[in-house]
């Protein structure tokens, strides 16, 4: 599947609010409604999605790299990302 685009999921306890990520064709990335998680770049290596950025909060910036497995049940409109036993489900935002 093509990962470029905006992928979001509902925010628990916040009705009608979504959060997620924008993955751009040039390898840059940005967060959607996640103000303490600043995504900067992404790349795909096989079934892995590698996200880099900074966690910001309380005046401290911590750089991170997350490697997530793209689940085989992902489609052009649904993205399932696995990290250990945790699975996050995202939908493609269509405009």
C-alpha atoms as a PDB file:
ATOM      1  CA  UNK A   1       0.000   0.000   0.000  1.00  0.00           C
ATOM      2  CA  UNK A   2       0.992   3.612  -0.531  1.00  0.00           C
ATOM      3  CA  UNK A   3       1.620   5.152   2.888  1.00  0.00           C
ATOM      4  CA  UNK A   4       1.735   8.784   1.786  1.00  0.00           C
ATOM      5  CA  UNK A   5      -1.163  10.824   3.104  1.00  0.00           C
ATOM      6  CA  UNK A   6      -2.855  11.601   6.390  1.00  0.00           C
ATOM      7  CA  UNK A   7      -3.651   8.736   8.754  1.00  0.00           C
ATOM      8  CA  UNK A   8      -5.827   9.368  11.823  1.00  0.00           C
ATOM      9  CA  UNK A   9      -7.630   7.574  14.631  1.00  0.00           C
ATOM     10  CA  UNK A  10     -10.244   8.740  17.146  1.00  0.00           C
ATOM     11  CA  UNK A  11      -8.938  10.232  20.380  1.00  0.00           C
ATOM     12  CA  UNK A  12     -10.440   8.429  23.390  1.00  0.00           C
ATOM     13  CA  UNK A  13     -12.428  10.748  25.668  1.00  0.00           C
ATOM     14  CA  UNK A  14     -12.465  13.527  23.030  1.00  0.00           C
ATOM     15  CA  UNK A  15     -15.590  13.306  20.942  1.00  0.00           C
ATOM     16  CA  UNK A  16     -15.097  14.069  17.258  1.00  0.00           C
ATOM     17  CA  UNK A  17     -11.346  14.619  17.673  1.00  0.00           C
ATOM     18  CA  UNK A  18      -8.756  12.650  15.750  1.00  0.00           C
ATOM     19  CA  UNK A  19      -4.985  12.353  16.011  1.00  0.00           C
ATOM     20  CA  UNK A  20      -2.406  10.780  13.776  1.00  0.00           C
ATOM     21  CA  UNK A  21       0.258  11.562  11.223  1.00  0.00           C
ATOM     22  CA  UNK A  22       0.851  13.124   7.841  1.00  0.00           C
ATOM     23  CA  UNK A  23       3.354  11.146   5.757  1.00  0.00           C
ATOM     24  CA  UNK A  24       4.638  13.206   2.816  1.00  0.00           C
ATOM     25  CA  UNK A  25       6.086  11.860  -0.433  1.00  0.00           C
ATOM     26  CA  UNK A  26       9.437  13.583   0.244  1.00  0.00           C
ATOM     27  CA  UNK A  27       9.974  11.596   3.468  1.00  0.00           C
ATOM     28  CA  UNK A  28       8.955  14.369   5.834  1.00  0.00           C
ATOM     29  CA  UNK A  29       6.252  13.752   8.410  1.00  0.00           C
ATOM     30  CA  UNK A  30       4.136  15.794  10.779  1.00  0.00           C
ATOM     31  CA  UNK A  31       1.827  15.073  13.678  1.00  0.00           C
ATOM     32  CA  UNK A  32      -1.921  15.635  13.532  1.00  0.00           C
ATOM     33  CA  UNK A  33      -3.320  16.936  16.852  1.00  0.00           C
ATOM     34  CA  UNK A  34      -0.425  15.452  18.863  1.00  0.00           C
ATOM     35  CA  UNK A  35       1.236  18.522  20.278  1.00  0.00           C
ATOM     36  CA  UNK A  36       3.851  16.814  22.448  1.00  0.00           C
ATOM     37  CA  UNK A  37       4.915  14.411  19.684  1.00  0.00           C
ATOM     38  CA  UNK A  38       6.641  16.186  16.788  1.00  0.00           C
ATOM     39  CA  UNK A  39       7.104  13.866  13.815  1.00  0.00           C
ATOM     40  CA  UNK A  40       9.890  14.897  11.441  1.00  0.00           C
ATOM     41  CA  UNK A  41      10.502  12.087   8.952  1.00  0.00           C
ATOM     42  CA  UNK A  42       9.443   8.625   7.885  1.00  0.00           C
ATOM     43  CA  UNK A  43      10.616   5.784   5.688  1.00  0.00           C
ATOM     44  CA  UNK A  44       9.412   2.354   4.747  1.00  0.00           C
ATOM     45  CA  UNK A  45      11.664  -0.688   4.742  1.00  0.00           C
ATOM     46  CA  UNK A  46       9.682  -3.741   3.650  1.00  0.00           C
ATOM     47  CA  UNK A  47       6.927  -4.242   6.208  1.00  0.00           C
ATOM     48  CA  UNK A  48       8.462  -1.684   8.613  1.00  0.00           C
ATOM     49  CA  UNK A  49       7.473   1.959   9.053  1.00  0.00           C
ATOM     50  CA  UNK A  50      10.236   3.972  10.702  1.00  0.00           C
ATOM     51  CA  UNK A  51       9.195   7.289  12.250  1.00  0.00           C
ATOM     52  CA  UNK A  52      11.610   9.853  13.679  1.00  0.00           C
ATOM     53  CA  UNK A  53      10.895  12.977  15.641  1.00  0.00           C
ATOM     54  CA  UNK A  54      10.932  14.596  19.063  1.00  0.00           C
ATOM     55  CA  UNK A  55       8.872  14.172  22.169  1.00  0.00           C
ATOM     56  CA  UNK A  56       8.435  17.628  23.653  1.00  0.00           C
ATOM     57  CA  UNK A  57       6.997  18.538  26.996  1.00  0.00           C
ATOM     58  CA  UNK A  58       7.945  20.128  30.283  1.00  0.00           C
ATOM     59  CA  UNK A  59      10.710  22.019  28.484  1.00  0.00           C
ATOM     60  CA  UNK A  60      12.512  18.812  27.508  1.00  0.00           C
ATOM     61  CA  UNK A  61      12.990  17.556  23.927  1.00  0.00           C
ATOM     62  CA  UNK A  62      13.749  13.858  23.508  1.00  0.00           C
ATOM     63  CA  UNK A  63      14.629  12.555  20.048  1.00  0.00           C
ATOM     64  CA  UNK A  64      13.118   9.207  19.096  1.00  0.00           C
ATOM     65  CA  UNK A  65      12.987   6.641  16.329  1.00  0.00           C
ATOM     66  CA  UNK A  66      10.068   4.195  16.327  1.00  0.00           C
ATOM     67  CA  UNK A  67      10.030   1.080  14.182  1.00  0.00           C
ATOM     68  CA  UNK A  68       6.518  -0.223  13.604  1.00  0.00           C
ATOM     69  CA  UNK A  69       5.392  -3.302  11.686  1.00  0.00           C
ATOM     70  CA  UNK A  70       2.793  -2.709   8.975  1.00  0.00           C
ATOM     71  CA  UNK A  71       0.222  -5.452   9.520  1.00  0.00           C
ATOM     72  CA  UNK A  72      -0.798  -7.509   6.492  1.00  0.00           C
ATOM     73  CA  UNK A  73      -4.464  -6.586   6.984  1.00  0.00           C
ATOM     74  CA  UNK A  74      -3.651  -2.963   6.091  1.00  0.00           C
ATOM     75  CA  UNK A  75      -5.370  -1.588   2.976  1.00  0.00           C
ATOM     76  CA  UNK A  76      -5.347   1.662   1.009  1.00  0.00           C
ATOM     77  CA  UNK A  77      -7.809   3.082   3.567  1.00  0.00           C
ATOM     78  CA  UNK A  78      -6.863   1.271   6.795  1.00  0.00           C
ATOM     79  CA  UNK A  79      -3.397   1.129   8.349  1.00  0.00           C
ATOM     80  CA  UNK A  80      -2.622  -1.256  11.196  1.00  0.00           C
ATOM     81  CA  UNK A  81       0.718  -0.649  12.912  1.00  0.00           C
ATOM     82  CA  UNK A  82       2.153  -3.119  15.390  1.00  0.00           C
ATOM     83  CA  UNK A  83       4.800  -2.513  18.038  1.00  0.00           C
ATOM     84  CA  UNK A  84       5.221  -5.572  20.226  1.00  0.00           C
ATOM     85  CA  UNK A  85       1.728  -6.635  21.270  1.00  0.00           C
ATOM     86  CA  UNK A  86       0.280  -3.138  20.765  1.00  0.00           C
ATOM     87  CA  UNK A  87      -1.675  -2.604  17.515  1.00  0.00           C
ATOM     88  CA  UNK A  88      -2.822   0.862  16.450  1.00  0.00           C
ATOM     89  CA  UNK A  89      -5.505   1.250  13.758  1.00  0.00           C
ATOM     90  CA  UNK A  90      -5.589   4.329  11.506  1.00  0.00           C
ATOM     91  CA  UNK A  91      -7.890   5.403   8.704  1.00  0.00           C
ATOM     92  CA  UNK A  92      -6.774   7.409   5.672  1.00  0.00           C
ATOM     93  CA  UNK A  93      -8.154  10.938   5.797  1.00  0.00           C
ATOM     94  CA  UNK A  94      -9.814  11.747   2.471  1.00  0.00           C
ATOM     95  CA  UNK A  95     -10.396  15.375   1.571  1.00  0.00           C
END
